[in-house]
Amino acid sequence: MSPRRSYDQYCSAARALDAVGDRWTLLIVRELLAGPRRYTDLHADLPGVSTDVLASRLKDMERDGLSTRRRLPPPGAAYVYELTERGRRLLPVLQALGEWGRSELGERRPTDAVRAHWFALPLLSSLDGEGLLEVRLEEGDFHLHVGAEEGPVYGDGPAPREPDVRLVLDSATCAALARGEASLTDAVRDGRATVTGDGTLAKALLDR
């Protein structure tokens, strides 16, 4: 475990950056907001990070009380990493950073990696209410736990049970939502996003 570096400034922002200011740390938090993840899954969804850096950041996060590591019971018998309550409280920080960074997103570059579930956090910010929402994109499916107080905020792949609402949209529309160029209300109204479901979450999307 690397020694903890500090700005040595009596400032809450500086203290926060002591814990999460290192490269990759907040992106690891983004992945762990999906719930417990194996090391190999984290590495696969963080293209560009070296195995040494990822291992070092995970150890630092455990030391700083942001995440824990535990062994799954048989037949899994693998180690997974998950956020602590302190780590989960970084959700609004990531959402604020994402909103602030919208103007930097621009068009996707040829070198840019993309994962479907990376659109989860900006989409979550535009939703009200509570329920399980499944999103289908060209790159794949992911699901959102809208209004969740505990547990995962989102997950990769189809919803683990019958969702309250399904949302289907193309990648161009989802990217426009992430850049702040369109709202979910506009996308549904214009037919660029299709909503199915009869729960309160579906009605909130359809009745906007």
Foldseek 3Di string as FASTA:
>chain_A
DDDQDFPPDPDVVRVVCSQQVDPPRVVLLVVQLQPWDALVVSPVVDPPDDSVVSVVSLVSCVVVQQKDWDADDPPRRGITIHGDPVNVVCLVVVLVVLVVCLQVPPDDDPPDDDAPCVLVSLLLVQFDDFWKEWEQEPRAIKIAGRPDPDGHGIHGHGDPDDTQKYKYAYPVVSSCSSSVVDHLLVCPVVVRMDMDHDDPRSCVSVVD
